[in-house]
Amino acid sequence: MKYREEEVMVKGKYPLGATLGMPEGEGPYPAVIIVAGSGNGDRDGNIEKAKFKPNMYRDLAATIGELGFATLRADKRGTGKSGGDFLETGMMDLVEDIEHLIIYLQEHPKVGKIILLGHSEGCILIPAANALRPVDGLVFLAGGGESLMDALKRQREIAIEELKSTKGVKGALIRLTKAHEKIEKQAEKFNQKIRSTDKPVIKYQFQKINAKWYREHMHYNVFEDLEKVSCPALAINGTTDIQVTPEKALELEKFVKGPTETFVIDGMNHLLKENTERASILNVMKSYKADAVKPLHSELQRHLGDWLTGNYSN
């Protein structure tokens, strides 16, 4: 089926620059909204300033579009062609913008059922959006069944493990200075700073920090909204993903009430690409840049395609 993309602007508190993909024909077609992970990457999953272009959301849209689905992916508030200030954008602001994307598709004459697909932080945002405006399906990629605070704790544990196992002179220096023991103490100090203010932006160690975003994640209980999910749900994590706990995907069915399928793909990393070796969290961007040009993991494409067509094809 032929599939065409176009630039659109979605109304919200601030206008959201987005790409709408639509199969050719009268429809109605089921539609998938792709909800990005954390950070100021664009609607395709790229960070231009860092010269980092994994394009995983563009590739997801292409994969889904070939199945006869419409797709919608947007620049976050304050990034790309969207209005607003990214540094002052809280977690619930992102959820509000997802709600406006849902409304946009609900009002589109060629769209039928709507599915939210979240990646990384997006896995936390989509249950919150679904609780406000229920949809017809949820897809969790690289983050299902886990809060942001849990994911950050896992990342710190891996960093401590790597520091403790560092060899040679560098390793000896780390153990001498007890650098690995300071990570958790620094995290608690940072968290206390966030909790002690109601300002949207603060300075911490000479850097501007989006305190509103952190604070709202700290207070949000994703599991309460997961228990409100009655539509079909799919969760897929990868074994070489260092940013989330892979096995958490399998626990999703403990919370949601709708029919659930869960998978952990051997050798899939956080970018949804194939890599059989877990990257070093102390030098993760180097590994990610090397993987950026790879296609989406074939097993991910297969499981996602089977689930979408099995549940929503006309």
C-alpha atoms as a PDB file:
ATOM      1  CA  MET A   1       0.000   0.000   0.000  1.00  0.00           C
ATOM      2  CA  LYS A   2       1.298   3.446  -0.949  1.00  0.00           C
ATOM      3  CA  TYR A   3       2.072   5.726   1.972  1.00  0.00           C
ATOM      4  CA  ARG A   4       2.731   9.461   1.896  1.00  0.00           C
ATOM      5  CA  GLU A   5       4.101  11.828   4.553  1.00  0.00           C
ATOM      6  CA  GLU A   6       3.395  15.531   4.973  1.00  0.00           C
ATOM      7  CA  GLU A   7       4.318  18.319   7.384  1.00  0.00           C
ATOM      8  CA  VAL A   8       1.470  19.436   9.655  1.00  0.00           C
ATOM      9  CA  MET A   9       1.019  21.756  12.615  1.00  0.00           C
ATOM     10  CA  VAL A  10      -0.991  20.421  15.553  1.00  0.00           C
ATOM     11  CA  LYS A  11      -2.818  22.893  17.806  1.00  0.00           C
ATOM     12  CA  GLY A  12      -2.082  22.807  21.528  1.00  0.00           C
ATOM     13  CA  LYS A  13      -0.914  25.202  24.209  1.00  0.00           C
ATOM     14  CA  TYR A  14       1.913  25.762  21.727  1.00  0.00           C
ATOM     15  CA  PRO A  15       1.841  24.688  18.060  1.00  0.00           C
ATOM     16  CA  LEU A  16       3.497  21.319  17.501  1.00  0.00           C
ATOM     17  CA  GLY A  17       5.433  20.686  14.310  1.00  0.00           C
ATOM     18  CA  ALA A  18       4.724  17.135  13.180  1.00  0.00           C
ATOM     19  CA  THR A  19       4.883  14.633  10.348  1.00  0.00           C
ATOM     20  CA  LEU A  20       1.668  12.880   9.371  1.00  0.00           C
ATOM     21  CA  GLY A  21       1.964   9.677   7.367  1.00  0.00           C
ATOM     22  CA  MET A  22      -1.159   8.426   5.599  1.00  0.00           C
ATOM     23  CA  PRO A  23      -1.857   5.477   3.284  1.00  0.00           C
ATOM     24  CA  GLU A  24      -3.400   6.478  -0.045  1.00  0.00           C
ATOM     25  CA  GLY A  25      -7.090   5.733  -0.187  1.00  0.00           C
ATOM     26  CA  GLU A  26     -10.302   6.671   1.569  1.00  0.00           C
ATOM     27  CA  GLY A  27      -9.685   4.958   4.909  1.00  0.00           C
ATOM     28  CA  PRO A  28     -10.406   5.014   7.729  1.00  0.00           C
ATOM     29  CA  TYR A  29      -6.996   3.701   8.777  1.00  0.00           C
ATOM     30  CA  PRO A  30      -5.721   2.809  12.244  1.00  0.00           C
ATOM     31  CA  ALA A  31      -3.107   5.343  13.337  1.00  0.00           C
ATOM     32  CA  VAL A  32      -0.008   5.143  15.533  1.00  0.00           C
ATOM     33  CA  ILE A  33       1.305   8.169  17.446  1.00  0.00           C
ATOM     34  CA  ILE A  34       5.050   7.766  18.081  1.00  0.00           C
ATOM     35  CA  VAL A  35       6.032   9.266  21.464  1.00  0.00           C
ATOM     36  CA  ALA A  36       9.741   9.964  21.862  1.00  0.00           C
ATOM     37  CA  GLY A  37      12.110   9.271  24.721  1.00  0.00           C
ATOM     38  CA  SER A  38      13.766  11.895  26.927  1.00  0.00           C
ATOM     39  CA  GLY A  39      15.977  14.695  25.693  1.00  0.00           C
ATOM     40  CA  ASN A  40      15.686  17.349  23.013  1.00  0.00           C
ATOM     41  CA  GLY A  41      15.862  15.104  19.972  1.00  0.00           C
ATOM     42  CA  ASP A  42      13.578  15.835  17.024  1.00  0.00           C
ATOM     43  CA  ARG A  43      10.555  13.928  15.734  1.00  0.00           C
ATOM     44  CA  ASP A  44      12.848  11.467  13.908  1.00  0.00           C
ATOM     45  CA  GLY A  45      14.916  10.701  17.032  1.00  0.00           C
ATOM     46  CA  ASN A  46      17.920  12.817  15.999  1.00  0.00           C
ATOM     47  CA  ILE A  47      19.987  15.390  17.907  1.00  0.00           C
ATOM     48  CA  GLU A  48      21.463  17.664  15.255  1.00  0.00           C
ATOM     49  CA  LYS A  49      23.823  19.582  17.567  1.00  0.00           C
ATOM     50  CA  ALA A  50      25.409  16.323  18.736  1.00  0.00           C
ATOM     51  CA  LYS A  51      25.587  15.005  15.166  1.00  0.00           C
ATOM     52  CA  PHE A  52      23.592  12.025  16.380  1.00  0.00           C
ATOM     53  CA  LYS A  53      21.140  10.643  13.820  1.00  0.00           C
ATOM     54  CA  PRO A  54      19.773   7.179  14.653  1.00  0.00           C
ATOM     55  CA  ASN A  55      16.450   8.006  12.920  1.00  0.00           C
ATOM     56  CA  MET A  56      14.597   5.325  14.885  1.00  0.00           C
ATOM     57  CA  TYR A  57      11.264   7.191  14.904  1.00  0.00           C
ATOM     58  CA  ARG A  58      11.437   7.902  11.178  1.00  0.00           C
ATOM     59  CA  ASP A  59      12.198   4.224  10.599  1.00  0.00           C
ATOM     60  CA  LEU A  60       9.394   3.123  12.937  1.00  0.00           C
ATOM     61  CA  ALA A  61       6.951   5.315  11.012  1.00  0.00           C
ATOM     62  CA  ALA A  62       8.092   3.804   7.706  1.00  0.00           C
ATOM     63  CA  THR A  63       7.764   0.245   9.047  1.00  0.00           C
ATOM     64  CA  ILE A  64       4.286   0.939  10.442  1.00  0.00           C
ATOM     65  CA  GLY A  65       3.171   2.855   7.345  1.00  0.00           C
ATOM     66  CA  GLU A  66       4.017  -0.081   5.086  1.00  0.00           C
ATOM     67  CA  LEU A  67       1.490  -2.142   7.077  1.00  0.00           C
ATOM     68  CA  GLY A  68      -1.348   0.179   6.076  1.00  0.00           C
ATOM     69  CA  PHE A  69      -1.364   2.366   9.186  1.00  0.00           C
ATOM     70  CA  ALA A  70      -1.318   6.134   9.503  1.00  0.00           C
ATOM     71  CA  THR A  71       1.441   7.583  11.711  1.00  0.00           C
ATOM     72  CA  LEU A  72       2.025  10.842  13.552  1.00  0.00           C
ATOM     73  CA  ARG A  73       5.273  11.979  15.176  1.00  0.00           C
ATOM     74  CA  ALA A  74       5.951  15.465  16.523  1.00  0.00           C
ATOM     75  CA  ASP A  75       8.788  17.666  17.702  1.00  0.00           C
ATOM     76  CA  LYS A  76       8.577  18.106  21.472  1.00  0.00           C
ATOM     77  CA  ARG A  77       7.518  21.406  22.948  1.00  0.00           C
ATOM     78  CA  GLY A  78      10.393  23.858  22.560  1.00  0.00           C
ATOM     79  CA  THR A  79      12.293  21.774  19.964  1.00  0.00           C
ATOM     80  CA  GLY A  80      12.378  21.641  16.179  1.00  0.00           C
ATOM     81  CA  LYS A  81       9.362  23.434  14.719  1.00  0.00           C
ATOM     82  CA  SER A  82       7.286  23.292  17.913  1.00  0.00           C
ATOM     83  CA  GLY A  83       6.624  26.317  20.108  1.00  0.00           C
ATOM     84  CA  GLY A  84       7.385  26.711  23.802  1.00  0.00           C
ATOM     85  CA  ASP A  85      10.513  26.430  25.946  1.00  0.00           C
ATOM     86  CA  PHE A  86      11.984  22.933  26.220  1.00  0.00           C
ATOM     87  CA  LEU A  87      13.904  23.744  29.402  1.00  0.00           C
ATOM     88  CA  GLU A  88      10.650  24.686  31.174  1.00  0.00           C
ATOM     89  CA  THR A  89       8.619  21.757  29.815  1.00  0.00           C
ATOM     90  CA  GLY A  90       7.491  19.357  32.526  1.00  0.00           C
ATOM     91  CA  MET A  91       6.477  15.736  32.231  1.00  0.00           C
ATOM     92  CA  MET A  92       2.772  16.617  32.370  1.00  0.00           C
ATOM     93  CA  ASP A  93       3.281  19.257  29.667  1.00  0.00           C
ATOM     94  CA  LEU A  94       4.515  16.456  27.415  1.00  0.00           C
ATOM     95  CA  VAL A  95       1.443  14.412  28.336  1.00  0.00           C
ATOM     96  CA  GLU A  96      -0.785  17.396  27.502  1.00  0.00           C
ATOM     97  CA  ASP A  97       0.841  17.618  24.069  1.00  0.00           C
ATOM     98  CA  ILE A  98       0.230  13.905  23.450  1.00  0.00           C
ATOM     99  CA  GLU A  99      -3.429  14.531  24.254  1.00  0.00           C
ATOM    100  CA  HIS A 100      -3.528  17.209  21.544  1.00  0.00           C
ATOM    101  CA  LEU A 101      -1.977  14.757  19.060  1.00  0.00           C
ATOM    102  CA  ILE A 102      -4.746  12.280  19.924  1.00  0.00           C
ATOM    103  CA  ILE A 103      -7.416  14.963  19.400  1.00  0.00           C
ATOM    104  CA  TYR A 104      -5.870  15.881  16.042  1.00  0.00           C
ATOM    105  CA  LEU A 105      -6.197  12.298  14.828  1.00  0.00           C
ATOM    106  CA  GLN A 106      -9.671  11.848  16.336  1.00  0.00           C
ATOM    107  CA  GLU A 107     -10.806  14.775  14.203  1.00  0.00           C
ATOM    108  CA  HIS A 108      -9.095  13.486  11.043  1.00  0.00           C
ATOM    109  CA  PRO A 109     -11.599  12.024   8.536  1.00  0.00           C
ATOM    110  CA  LYS A 110      -9.273   9.224   7.429  1.00  0.00           C
ATOM    111  CA  VAL A 111      -8.337   7.932  10.900  1.00  0.00           C
ATOM    112  CA  GLY A 112     -10.117   5.189  12.831  1.00  0.00           C
ATOM    113  CA  LYS A 113      -8.537   3.514  15.847  1.00  0.00           C
ATOM    114  CA  ILE A 114      -5.578   5.195  17.571  1.00  0.00           C
ATOM    115  CA  ILE A 115      -2.546   3.489  19.137  1.00  0.00           C
ATOM    116  CA  LEU A 116       0.095   5.206  21.269  1.00  0.00           C
ATOM    117  CA  LEU A 117       3.662   3.920  20.815  1.00  0.00           C
ATOM    118  CA  GLY A 118       6.145   5.091  23.425  1.00  0.00           C
ATOM    119  CA  HIS A 119       9.925   4.702  23.380  1.00  0.00           C
ATOM    120  CA  SER A 120      12.000   5.024  26.580  1.00  0.00           C
ATOM    121  CA  GLU A 121      10.443   7.942  28.535  1.00  0.00           C
ATOM    122  CA  GLY A 122       7.568   7.679  26.089  1.00  0.00           C
ATOM    123  CA  CYS A 123       6.648   4.405  27.830  1.00  0.00           C
ATOM    124  CA  ILE A 124       5.914   6.442  30.967  1.00  0.00           C
ATOM    125  CA  LEU A 125       4.071   9.213  29.147  1.00  0.00           C
ATOM    126  CA  ILE A 126       1.604   7.052  27.187  1.00  0.00           C
ATOM    127  CA  PRO A 127      -0.195   5.511  30.205  1.00  0.00           C
ATOM    128  CA  ALA A 128      -0.654   9.028  31.599  1.00  0.00           C
ATOM    129  CA  ALA A 129      -2.057  10.247  28.270  1.00  0.00           C
ATOM    130  CA  ASN A 130      -4.310   7.200  27.990  1.00  0.00           C
ATOM    131  CA  ALA A 131      -5.703   7.899  31.480  1.00  0.00           C
ATOM    132  CA  LEU A 132      -6.754  11.382  30.298  1.00  0.00           C
ATOM    133  CA  ARG A 133      -7.980  10.386  26.829  1.00  0.00           C
ATOM    134  CA  PRO A 134      -8.284   6.611  26.334  1.00  0.00           C
ATOM    135  CA  VAL A 135      -7.025   5.134  23.076  1.00  0.00           C
ATOM    136  CA  ASP A 136      -7.298   1.751  21.361  1.00  0.00           C
ATOM    137  CA  GLY A 137      -3.832   0.342  22.020  1.00  0.00           C
ATOM    138  CA  LEU A 138      -0.491   0.967  23.729  1.00  0.00           C
ATOM    139  CA  VAL A 139       2.995  -0.087  22.595  1.00  0.00           C
ATOM    140  CA  PHE A 140       5.947   0.109  25.002  1.00  0.00           C
ATOM    141  CA  LEU A 141       9.421  -0.024  23.427  1.00  0.00           C
ATOM    142  CA  ALA A 142      12.596   0.031  25.564  1.00  0.00           C
ATOM    143  CA  GLY A 143      10.987   0.973  28.851  1.00  0.00           C
ATOM    144  CA  GLY A 144       7.767  -0.888  29.588  1.00  0.00           C
ATOM    145  CA  GLY A 145       6.768  -1.467  33.213  1.00  0.00           C
ATOM    146  CA  GLU A 146       9.330   0.861  34.792  1.00  0.00           C
ATOM    147  CA  SER A 147       9.388   4.384  36.238  1.00  0.00           C
ATOM    148  CA  LEU A 148      12.035   6.951  35.328  1.00  0.00           C
ATOM    149  CA  MET A 149      13.439   6.830  38.860  1.00  0.00           C
ATOM    150  CA  ASP A 150      13.826   3.038  38.593  1.00  0.00           C
ATOM    151  CA  ALA A 151      15.595   3.386  35.243  1.00  0.00           C
ATOM    152  CA  LEU A 152      17.986   6.038  36.562  1.00  0.00           C
ATOM    153  CA  LYS A 153      18.798   3.869  39.579  1.00  0.00           C
ATOM    154  CA  ARG A 154      19.646   0.965  37.252  1.00  0.00           C
ATOM    155  CA  GLN A 155      21.948   3.236  35.245  1.00  0.00           C
ATOM    156  CA  ARG A 156      23.772   4.316  38.400  1.00  0.00           C
ATOM    157  CA  GLU A 157      24.183   0.677  39.470  1.00  0.00           C
ATOM    158  CA  ILE A 158      25.734  -0.196  36.115  1.00  0.00           C
ATOM    159  CA  ALA A 159      28.049   2.829  36.329  1.00  0.00           C
ATOM    160  CA  ILE A 160      29.196   1.750  39.803  1.00  0.00           C
ATOM    161  CA  GLU A 161      29.767  -1.806  38.554  1.00  0.00           C
ATOM    162  CA  GLU A 162      31.858  -0.527  35.634  1.00  0.00           C
ATOM    163  CA  LEU A 163      33.933   1.790  37.811  1.00  0.00           C
ATOM    164  CA  LYS A 164      34.674  -0.976  40.321  1.00  0.00           C
ATOM    165  CA  SER A 165      35.818  -3.338  37.565  1.00  0.00           C
ATOM    166  CA  THR A 166      38.057  -0.810  35.813  1.00  0.00           C
ATOM    167  CA  LYS A 167      41.578  -2.219  35.495  1.00  0.00           C
ATOM    168  CA  GLY A 168      45.065  -0.733  35.579  1.00  0.00           C
ATOM    169  CA  VAL A 169      46.176   2.609  36.953  1.00  0.00           C
ATOM    170  CA  LYS A 170      42.796   4.173  36.222  1.00  0.00           C
ATOM    171  CA  GLY A 171      41.023   1.482  38.225  1.00  0.00           C
ATOM    172  CA  ALA A 172      43.440   1.856  41.125  1.00  0.00           C
ATOM    173  CA  LEU A 173      42.821   5.612  41.170  1.00  0.00           C
ATOM    174  CA  ILE A 174      39.043   5.093  41.155  1.00  0.00           C
ATOM    175  CA  ARG A 175      39.267   2.755  44.134  1.00  0.00           C
ATOM    176  CA  LEU A 176      41.681   5.048  45.951  1.00  0.00           C
ATOM    177  CA  THR A 177      39.385   8.072  45.581  1.00  0.00           C
ATOM    178  CA  LYS A 178      36.269   5.902  46.138  1.00  0.00           C
ATOM    179  CA  ALA A 179      34.667   7.501  43.066  1.00  0.00           C
ATOM    180  CA  HIS A 180      32.221   4.618  42.730  1.00  0.00           C
ATOM    181  CA  GLU A 181      30.888   5.236  46.248  1.00  0.00           C
ATOM    182  CA  LYS A 182      30.072   8.868  45.480  1.00  0.00           C
ATOM    183  CA  ILE A 183      27.594   8.207  42.673  1.00  0.00           C
ATOM    184  CA  GLU A 184      24.606   7.299  44.853  1.00  0.00           C
ATOM    185  CA  LYS A 185      25.377  10.091  47.354  1.00  0.00           C
ATOM    186  CA  GLN A 186      25.504  12.642  44.536  1.00  0.00           C
ATOM    187  CA  ALA A 187      22.206  11.337  43.133  1.00  0.00           C
ATOM    188  CA  GLU A 188      20.481  11.737  46.508  1.00  0.00           C
ATOM    189  CA  LYS A 189      21.866  15.247  46.889  1.00  0.00           C
ATOM    190  CA  PHE A 190      20.544  16.120  43.425  1.00  0.00           C
ATOM    191  CA  ASN A 191      17.125  14.614  44.174  1.00  0.00           C
ATOM    192  CA  GLN A 192      16.844  16.558  47.439  1.00  0.00           C
ATOM    193  CA  LYS A 193      17.649  19.761  45.551  1.00  0.00           C
ATOM    194  CA  ILE A 194      14.865  19.037  43.055  1.00  0.00           C
ATOM    195  CA  ARG A 195      12.332  18.222  45.778  1.00  0.00           C
ATOM    196  CA  SER A 196      13.145  21.371  47.761  1.00  0.00           C
ATOM    197  CA  THR A 197      12.057  23.797  45.022  1.00  0.00           C
ATOM    198  CA  ASP A 198       8.932  24.546  43.038  1.00  0.00           C
ATOM    199  CA  LYS A 199      10.771  26.461  40.312  1.00  0.00           C
ATOM    200  CA  PRO A 200      10.620  25.094  36.753  1.00  0.00           C
ATOM    201  CA  VAL A 201      14.349  25.678  36.164  1.00  0.00           C
ATOM    202  CA  ILE A 202      17.215  25.730  38.677  1.00  0.00           C
ATOM    203  CA  LYS A 203      20.986  25.946  38.535  1.00  0.00           C
ATOM    204  CA  TYR A 204      22.880  22.913  39.771  1.00  0.00           C
ATOM    205  CA  GLN A 205      26.658  22.692  39.535  1.00  0.00           C
ATOM    206  CA  PHE A 206      26.635  25.718  37.184  1.00  0.00           C
ATOM    207  CA  GLN A 207      24.142  24.113  34.783  1.00  0.00           C
ATOM    208  CA  LYS A 208      20.485  24.943  34.165  1.00  0.00           C
ATOM    209  CA  ILE A 209      18.299  21.962  35.077  1.00  0.00           C
ATOM    210  CA  ASN A 210      14.657  21.332  34.177  1.00  0.00           C
ATOM    211  CA  ALA A 211      13.566  20.803  37.784  1.00  0.00           C
ATOM    212  CA  LYS A 212       9.881  20.694  36.828  1.00  0.00           C
ATOM    213  CA  TRP A 213      10.426  17.672  34.584  1.00  0.00           C
ATOM    214  CA  TYR A 214      12.400  15.759  37.237  1.00  0.00           C
ATOM    215  CA  ARG A 215       9.994  16.707  40.023  1.00  0.00           C
ATOM    216  CA  GLU A 216       6.897  15.585  38.130  1.00  0.00           C
ATOM    217  CA  HIS A 217       8.525  12.252  37.305  1.00  0.00           C
ATOM    218  CA  MET A 218       9.377  11.796  40.985  1.00  0.00           C
ATOM    219  CA  HIS A 219       5.754  12.352  41.980  1.00  0.00           C
ATOM    220  CA  TYR A 220       4.143  10.358  39.166  1.00  0.00           C
ATOM    221  CA  ASN A 221       3.131   6.735  39.782  1.00  0.00           C
ATOM    222  CA  VAL A 222       3.091   5.075  36.367  1.00  0.00           C
ATOM    223  CA  PHE A 223       1.733   1.843  37.814  1.00  0.00           C
ATOM    224  CA  GLU A 224      -1.525   3.525  38.870  1.00  0.00           C
ATOM    225  CA  ASP A 225      -2.195   4.545  35.272  1.00  0.00           C
ATOM    226  CA  LEU A 226      -1.063   1.169  33.919  1.00  0.00           C
ATOM    227  CA  GLU A 227      -3.841  -0.382  36.005  1.00  0.00           C
ATOM    228  CA  LYS A 228      -6.337   1.779  34.084  1.00  0.00           C
ATOM    229  CA  VAL A 229      -5.288   0.280  30.732  1.00  0.00           C
ATOM    230  CA  SER A 230      -8.053  -1.884  29.285  1.00  0.00           C
ATOM    231  CA  CYS A 231      -6.983  -1.827  25.620  1.00  0.00           C
ATOM    232  CA  PRO A 232      -4.488  -4.263  24.018  1.00  0.00           C
ATOM    233  CA  ALA A 233      -0.855  -3.625  25.002  1.00  0.00           C
ATOM    234  CA  LEU A 234       2.523  -4.710  23.637  1.00  0.00           C
ATOM    235  CA  ALA A 235       5.889  -4.367  25.426  1.00  0.00           C
ATOM    236  CA  ILE A 236       9.288  -5.045  23.836  1.00  0.00           C
ATOM    237  CA  ASN A 237      12.678  -4.551  25.504  1.00  0.00           C
ATOM    238  CA  GLY A 238      16.169  -5.688  24.495  1.00  0.00           C
ATOM    239  CA  THR A 239      18.807  -7.654  26.403  1.00  0.00           C
ATOM    240  CA  THR A 240      21.628  -5.192  25.639  1.00  0.00           C
ATOM    241  CA  ASP A 241      19.665  -2.117  26.701  1.00  0.00           C
ATOM    242  CA  ILE A 242      21.629  -0.435  29.518  1.00  0.00           C
ATOM    243  CA  GLN A 243      19.135   2.352  30.123  1.00  0.00           C
ATOM    244  CA  VAL A 244      16.193   0.241  31.293  1.00  0.00           C
ATOM    245  CA  THR A 245      15.706  -3.139  32.949  1.00  0.00           C
ATOM    246  CA  PRO A 246      14.961  -5.541  30.061  1.00  0.00           C
ATOM    247  CA  GLU A 247      12.908  -8.027  32.122  1.00  0.00           C
ATOM    248  CA  LYS A 248      10.492  -5.297  33.242  1.00  0.00           C
ATOM    249  CA  ALA A 249       8.669  -5.653  29.918  1.00  0.00           C
ATOM    250  CA  LEU A 250       7.548  -9.131  30.966  1.00  0.00           C
ATOM    251  CA  GLU A 251       5.926  -7.699  34.099  1.00  0.00           C
ATOM    252  CA  LEU A 252       3.578  -5.378  32.237  1.00  0.00           C
ATOM    253  CA  GLU A 253       0.804  -7.958  32.219  1.00  0.00           C
ATOM    254  CA  LYS A 254       0.744  -7.795  36.037  1.00  0.00           C
ATOM    255  CA  PHE A 255      -0.656  -4.269  35.832  1.00  0.00           C
ATOM    256  CA  VAL A 256      -2.732  -3.754  32.682  1.00  0.00           C
ATOM    257  CA  LYS A 257      -6.230  -5.179  32.364  1.00  0.00           C
ATOM    258  CA  GLY A 258      -6.262  -5.512  28.574  1.00  0.00           C
ATOM    259  CA  PRO A 259      -4.746  -8.377  26.551  1.00  0.00           C
ATOM    260  CA  THR A 260      -0.952  -8.106  26.692  1.00  0.00           C
ATOM    261  CA  GLU A 261       1.998  -9.462  24.715  1.00  0.00           C
ATOM    262  CA  THR A 262       5.561  -9.045  25.984  1.00  0.00           C
ATOM    263  CA  PHE A 263       8.976  -9.816  24.489  1.00  0.00           C
ATOM    264  CA  VAL A 264      12.643  -9.401  25.394  1.00  0.00           C
ATOM    265  CA  ILE A 265      14.729  -9.456  22.215  1.00  0.00           C
ATOM    266  CA  ASP A 266      18.217 -10.910  22.421  1.00  0.00           C
ATOM    267  CA  GLY A 267      20.831  -8.407  21.241  1.00  0.00           C
ATOM    268  CA  MET A 268      18.606  -5.312  20.917  1.00  0.00           C
ATOM    269  CA  ASN A 269      19.835  -2.069  22.495  1.00  0.00           C
ATOM    270  CA  HIS A 270      18.087   1.120  23.612  1.00  0.00           C
ATOM    271  CA  LEU A 271      18.098   2.544  20.073  1.00  0.00           C
ATOM    272  CA  LEU A 272      16.071  -0.515  18.959  1.00  0.00           C
ATOM    273  CA  LYS A 273      19.068  -1.641  16.895  1.00  0.00           C
ATOM    274  CA  GLU A 274      21.015  -4.877  16.902  1.00  0.00           C
ATOM    275  CA  ASN A 275      24.105  -5.023  19.106  1.00  0.00           C
ATOM    276  CA  THR A 276      25.025  -8.227  20.895  1.00  0.00           C
ATOM    277  CA  GLU A 277      27.329  -6.416  23.363  1.00  0.00           C
ATOM    278  CA  ARG A 278      26.099  -4.147  26.121  1.00  0.00           C
ATOM    279  CA  ALA A 279      27.575  -0.671  25.735  1.00  0.00           C
ATOM    280  CA  SER A 280      29.588   0.971  28.488  1.00  0.00           C
ATOM    281  CA  ILE A 281      27.335   3.432  30.303  1.00  0.00           C
ATOM    282  CA  LEU A 282      30.407   5.572  30.988  1.00  0.00           C
ATOM    283  CA  ASN A 283      30.916   6.026  27.243  1.00  0.00           C
ATOM    284  CA  VAL A 284      27.480   5.265  25.897  1.00  0.00           C
ATOM    285  CA  MET A 285      27.237   7.949  23.208  1.00  0.00           C
ATOM    286  CA  LYS A 286      30.266   6.551  21.373  1.00  0.00           C
ATOM    287  CA  SER A 287      28.538   3.189  21.107  1.00  0.00           C
ATOM    288  CA  TYR A 288      25.217   4.731  20.115  1.00  0.00           C
ATOM    289  CA  LYS A 289      26.799   6.782  17.344  1.00  0.00           C
ATOM    290  CA  ALA A 290      28.403   3.626  15.949  1.00  0.00           C
ATOM    291  CA  ASP A 291      24.984   1.918  15.930  1.00  0.00           C
ATOM    292  CA  ALA A 292      23.067   4.894  14.575  1.00  0.00           C
ATOM    293  CA  VAL A 293      23.244   3.854  10.914  1.00  0.00           C
ATOM    294  CA  LYS A 294      21.882   0.364  11.581  1.00  0.00           C
ATOM    295  CA  PRO A 295      18.266  -0.504  10.717  1.00  0.00           C
ATOM    296  CA  LEU A 296      15.682  -1.328  13.361  1.00  0.00           C
ATOM    297  CA  HIS A 297      16.180  -4.803  14.823  1.00  0.00           C
ATOM    298  CA  SER A 298      14.471  -7.342  12.572  1.00  0.00           C
ATOM    299  CA  GLU A 299      12.836  -9.124  15.519  1.00  0.00           C
ATOM    300  CA  LEU A 300      11.372  -5.830  16.710  1.00  0.00           C
ATOM    301  CA  GLN A 301       9.884  -5.191  13.279  1.00  0.00           C
ATOM    302  CA  ARG A 302       8.424  -8.696  13.179  1.00  0.00           C
ATOM    303  CA  HIS A 303       6.818  -8.621  16.633  1.00  0.00           C
ATOM    304  CA  LEU A 304       5.497  -5.084  16.140  1.00  0.00           C
ATOM    305  CA  GLY A 305       4.110  -5.897  12.699  1.00  0.00           C
ATOM    306  CA  ASP A 306       2.437  -9.112  13.868  1.00  0.00           C
ATOM    307  CA  TRP A 307       0.813  -7.358  16.828  1.00  0.00           C
ATOM    308  CA  LEU A 308      -0.427  -4.341  14.864  1.00  0.00           C
ATOM    309  CA  THR A 309      -1.858  -6.333  11.964  1.00  0.00           C
ATOM    310  CA  GLY A 310      -3.277  -8.969  14.298  1.00  0.00           C
ATOM    311  CA  ASN A 311      -5.174  -6.417  16.377  1.00  0.00           C
ATOM    312  CA  TYR A 312      -6.002  -3.538  14.044  1.00  0.00           C
ATOM    313  CA  SER A 313      -5.911  -4.450  10.353  1.00  0.00           C
ATOM    314  CA  ASN A 314      -9.254  -3.974   8.603  1.00  0.00           C
END
